[in-house]
Protein backbone atom coordinates (compact mmCIF):
# COMPACT_ATOMS: atom_id res chain seq x y z
CA UNK A 1 91.63 105.60 262.33
CA UNK A 2 94.92 103.88 263.18
CA UNK A 3 97.54 106.10 264.75
CA UNK A 4 100.04 105.27 262.02
CA UNK A 5 97.71 106.49 259.24
CA UNK A 6 96.90 109.63 261.18
CA UNK A 7 100.59 110.44 261.62
CA UNK A 8 101.26 109.98 257.90
CA UNK A 9 98.39 112.31 256.96
CA UNK A 10 99.64 114.97 259.36
CA UNK A 11 103.15 114.66 257.94
CA UNK A 12 101.87 115.10 254.38
CA UNK A 13 99.80 118.15 255.36
CA UNK A 14 102.83 119.76 257.01
CA UNK A 15 104.96 119.01 253.95
CA UNK A 16 102.43 120.58 251.57
CA UNK A 17 102.04 123.62 253.77
CA UNK A 18 105.80 124.09 253.80
CA UNK A 19 105.94 123.88 250.02
CA UNK A 20 103.23 126.51 249.73
CA UNK A 21 105.12 128.88 251.98
CA UNK A 22 108.34 128.40 250.03
CA UNK A 23 106.67 129.10 246.67
CA UNK A 24 105.00 132.22 248.01
CA UNK A 25 108.33 133.66 249.11
CA UNK A 26 109.94 133.39 245.68
CA UNK A 27 110.61 136.76 243.99
CA UNK A 28 111.28 137.56 240.38
CA UNK A 29 114.92 138.37 239.58
CA UNK A 30 115.63 142.07 239.19
CA UNK A 31 118.43 143.80 237.32
CA UNK A 32 119.66 147.10 238.78
CA UNK A 33 120.09 150.02 236.42
CA UNK A 34 123.64 150.21 235.05
CA UNK A 35 125.64 153.15 236.38
CA UNK A 36 126.43 155.98 234.01
CA UNK A 37 123.52 155.22 231.70
CA UNK A 38 122.65 158.87 231.03
CA UNK A 39 124.38 160.42 228.04
CA UNK A 40 124.10 160.91 224.29
CA UNK A 41 123.77 157.94 221.90
CA UNK A 42 123.73 157.99 218.09
CA UNK A 43 123.62 155.61 215.18
CA UNK A 44 122.35 154.88 211.68
CA UNK A 45 119.20 152.78 211.77
CA UNK A 46 117.79 150.77 208.85
CA UNK A 47 114.92 152.32 206.89
CA UNK A 48 112.39 150.59 204.62
CA UNK A 49 111.66 153.59 202.40
CA UNK A 50 114.80 155.71 202.71
CA UNK A 51 118.55 155.25 202.71
CA UNK A 52 118.91 155.32 206.51
CA UNK A 53 117.70 156.98 209.68
CA UNK A 54 120.25 159.07 211.55
CA UNK A 55 119.09 158.73 215.16
CA UNK A 56 120.36 160.61 218.20
CA UNK A 57 119.08 160.00 221.73
CA UNK A 58 119.73 162.38 224.59
CA UNK A 59 119.23 160.58 227.93
CA UNK A 60 119.28 163.38 230.46
CA UNK A 61 120.30 162.81 234.10
CA UNK A 62 117.00 164.42 235.19
CA UNK A 63 114.99 161.56 233.67
CA UNK A 64 113.94 163.35 230.47
CA UNK A 65 114.91 162.39 226.94
CA UNK A 66 115.07 163.97 223.50
CA UNK A 67 115.07 161.76 220.41
CA UNK A 68 115.84 163.03 216.92
CA UNK A 69 115.44 160.88 213.81
CA UNK A 70 116.64 162.23 210.47
CA UNK A 71 115.36 160.38 207.41
CA UNK A 72 118.06 160.42 204.75
CA UNK A 73 116.68 159.95 201.22
CA UNK A 74 118.42 157.63 198.80
CA UNK A 75 118.82 160.40 196.19
CA UNK A 76 120.97 160.07 193.11
CA UNK A 77 123.37 163.04 193.14
CA UNK A 78 125.61 161.79 190.35
CA UNK A 79 124.38 164.56 188.00
CA UNK A 80 125.73 167.21 190.32
CA UNK A 81 122.39 167.85 192.01
CA UNK A 82 122.57 168.76 195.66
CA UNK A 83 120.83 166.27 197.90
CA UNK A 84 117.91 167.73 199.88
CA UNK A 85 118.42 168.04 203.64
CA UNK A 86 117.05 165.09 205.60
CA UNK A 87 113.64 165.52 207.18
CA UNK A 88 113.52 165.07 210.94
CA UNK A 89 111.05 163.96 213.57
CA UNK A 90 111.37 164.44 217.32
CA UNK A 91 110.26 162.63 220.42
CA UNK A 92 110.27 164.08 223.92
CA UNK A 93 109.41 162.45 227.19
CA UNK A 94 110.67 160.71 230.30
CA UNK A 95 112.86 157.64 230.59
CA UNK A 96 113.09 155.04 233.35
CA UNK A 97 114.70 151.68 234.05
CA UNK A 98 112.56 148.53 234.18
CA UNK A 99 114.50 146.28 236.56
CA UNK A 100 112.27 143.26 235.88
CA UNK A 101 112.69 143.34 232.10
CA UNK A 102 116.23 144.79 232.34
CA UNK A 103 115.28 147.43 229.78
CA UNK A 104 115.33 151.15 229.35
CA UNK A 105 111.82 152.53 228.72
CA UNK A 106 111.08 155.79 226.88
CA UNK A 107 107.61 157.21 227.48
CA UNK A 108 106.37 160.19 225.49
CA UNK A 109 103.45 161.34 223.39
CA UNK A 110 103.67 158.28 221.12
CA UNK A 111 104.19 154.56 221.75
CA UNK A 112 106.69 153.42 224.35
CA UNK A 113 110.17 152.54 223.16
CA UNK A 114 112.27 149.84 224.81
CA UNK A 115 116.05 149.52 224.68
CA UNK A 116 118.44 146.99 226.12
CA UNK A 117 121.98 147.72 227.25
CA UNK A 118 124.45 145.81 225.10
CA UNK A 119 127.43 147.13 227.06
CA UNK A 120 128.66 150.41 228.54
CA UNK A 121 128.87 151.94 225.06
CA UNK A 122 125.84 150.59 223.16
CA UNK A 123 122.06 150.48 223.41
CA UNK A 124 119.82 148.30 221.25
CA UNK A 125 116.35 149.49 220.28
CA UNK A 126 113.90 146.61 220.59
CA UNK A 127 111.90 146.41 217.35
CA UNK A 128 110.18 143.54 215.46
CA UNK A 129 113.00 143.26 212.93
CA UNK A 130 115.82 140.75 212.38
CA UNK A 131 118.16 143.71 211.78
CA UNK A 132 119.76 145.14 214.90
CA UNK A 133 119.02 148.79 215.74
CA UNK A 134 122.13 149.91 217.63
CA UNK A 135 122.98 153.29 219.15
CA UNK A 136 126.54 154.00 220.31
CA UNK A 137 127.55 156.45 223.01
CA UNK A 138 128.73 159.79 221.65
CA UNK A 139 131.45 160.92 224.05
CA UNK A 140 131.36 164.43 222.60
CA UNK A 141 127.91 164.76 224.19
CA UNK A 142 126.60 167.49 221.87
CA UNK A 143 123.92 169.70 223.40
CA UNK A 144 120.36 169.47 222.11
CA UNK A 145 119.82 172.80 220.36
CA UNK A 146 117.38 171.92 217.54
CA UNK A 147 114.45 174.22 216.83
CA UNK A 148 111.33 172.15 217.52
CA UNK A 149 107.58 172.66 218.08
CA UNK A 150 106.61 172.68 221.75
CA UNK A 151 103.31 172.54 223.65
CA UNK A 152 103.34 173.81 227.19
CA UNK A 153 102.26 176.22 229.87
CA UNK A 154 103.68 179.73 229.65
CA UNK A 155 103.44 182.50 232.21
CA UNK A 156 104.63 186.11 232.05
CA UNK A 157 105.40 188.20 235.12
CA UNK A 158 107.15 191.47 235.81
CA UNK A 159 110.42 189.55 236.10
CA UNK A 160 110.20 187.68 232.79
CA UNK A 161 108.56 184.52 231.53
CA UNK A 162 108.64 180.75 232.03
CA UNK A 163 107.60 177.82 229.86
CA UNK A 164 106.76 174.31 231.11
CA UNK A 165 106.72 171.64 228.39
CA UNK A 166 103.70 169.35 228.73
CA UNK A 167 105.17 165.89 228.07
CA UNK A 168 108.49 166.16 229.92
CA UNK A 169 107.39 168.61 232.61
CA UNK A 170 110.62 170.50 231.92
CA UNK A 171 110.26 174.10 233.16
CA UNK A 172 112.47 176.69 231.48
CA UNK A 173 113.05 180.42 231.85
CA UNK A 174 112.43 182.25 228.58
CA UNK A 175 115.12 184.51 227.12
CA UNK A 176 113.46 187.94 227.08
CA UNK A 177 115.70 189.75 224.61
CA UNK A 178 115.64 187.31 221.69
CA UNK A 179 113.33 185.65 219.22
CA UNK A 180 109.57 186.06 219.48
CA UNK A 181 109.46 186.83 223.21
CA UNK A 182 107.80 190.21 222.64
CA UNK A 183 105.00 188.55 220.70
CA UNK A 184 104.48 186.04 223.50
CA UNK A 185 104.41 188.85 226.07
CA UNK A 186 101.96 190.87 223.94
CA UNK A 187 99.41 188.06 223.77
CA UNK A 188 99.74 187.41 227.49
CA UNK A 189 99.15 191.08 228.29
CA UNK A 190 96.14 191.38 226.03
CA UNK A 191 94.53 187.99 226.65
CA UNK A 192 95.73 186.68 230.00
CA UNK A 193 96.17 187.99 233.54
CA UNK A 194 99.72 188.62 234.73
CA UNK A 195 101.35 185.54 236.18
CA UNK A 196 98.54 183.21 235.08
CA UNK A 197 99.41 180.20 232.96
CA UNK A 198 98.22 179.74 229.39
CA UNK A 199 98.45 176.70 227.16
CA UNK A 200 100.91 177.81 224.50
CA UNK A 201 102.15 176.36 221.22
CA UNK A 202 105.44 177.68 219.88
CA UNK A 203 108.69 176.79 218.17
CA UNK A 204 111.84 177.18 220.16
CA UNK A 205 115.29 175.92 221.04
CA UNK A 206 117.41 175.56 224.14
CA UNK A 207 120.48 177.62 224.93
CA UNK A 208 123.05 176.96 227.61
CA UNK A 209 125.61 178.92 229.59
CA UNK A 210 125.81 182.68 229.86
CA UNK A 211 125.25 184.48 233.15
CA UNK A 212 122.73 181.78 234.06
CA UNK A 213 124.33 178.33 234.01
CA UNK A 214 121.00 176.55 233.59
CA UNK A 215 119.35 175.96 230.23
CA UNK A 216 116.92 178.53 228.86
CA UNK A 217 114.39 178.66 226.05
CA UNK A 218 114.45 180.99 223.07
CA UNK A 219 111.01 181.38 221.47
CA UNK A 220 111.69 181.31 217.73
CA UNK A 221 108.05 181.54 216.64
CA UNK A 222 104.82 182.11 218.54
CA UNK A 223 101.91 179.97 217.25
CA UNK A 224 98.93 180.08 219.61
CA UNK A 225 97.75 180.66 223.16
CA UNK A 226 94.75 179.52 225.22
CA UNK A 227 94.47 181.70 228.33
CA UNK A 228 93.57 180.09 231.62
CA UNK A 229 94.23 176.53 230.49
CA UNK A 230 97.13 174.19 231.11
CA UNK A 231 98.50 170.83 230.06
């Protein structure tokens, strides 16, 4: 083979190899999480079978979230009838930032929810609808104190009781002098060994402040217990 042809072939091989190396080194663009993203966001979302959905999202700094959606009926109150209180649903879970998609991701017991950051004050819920679903930052930052059903692991010791919610992994001390704590303690004493966990279903709400600055759980209603089992 002539030397000139051989040189050309070698040059082409080197060029192709260089192109392959360059393409392999390319990385997908990533978007860092905006600072100060945690907080409380609220807004009225469109509803197909009600007047509106009053939504509030608590994005906690510890990576957990609470989501409340109140479905407001389009009731005619012109005759002086009092409108019924809106029904509510709740979602609990963990949130994270997807730096490839530049989206906030909520993961809980149900389907994932994705939100984009419009600006420092607004989040947009990504849904298959031409109507925007916008939540605005609530600078009052109200605490989440709703009474809700909870599934988790409870344990009772000589020093009190704890409850670890299954989906969020949030572990809370239980207030021992309020609500249905005595009922919870009774079932632990009669059905479960001291200090051992038990899968527990209850209704409760969070309280803040007091002698202990951290949040605590008040058991409003005891529902069921399965000794020796966990989440």
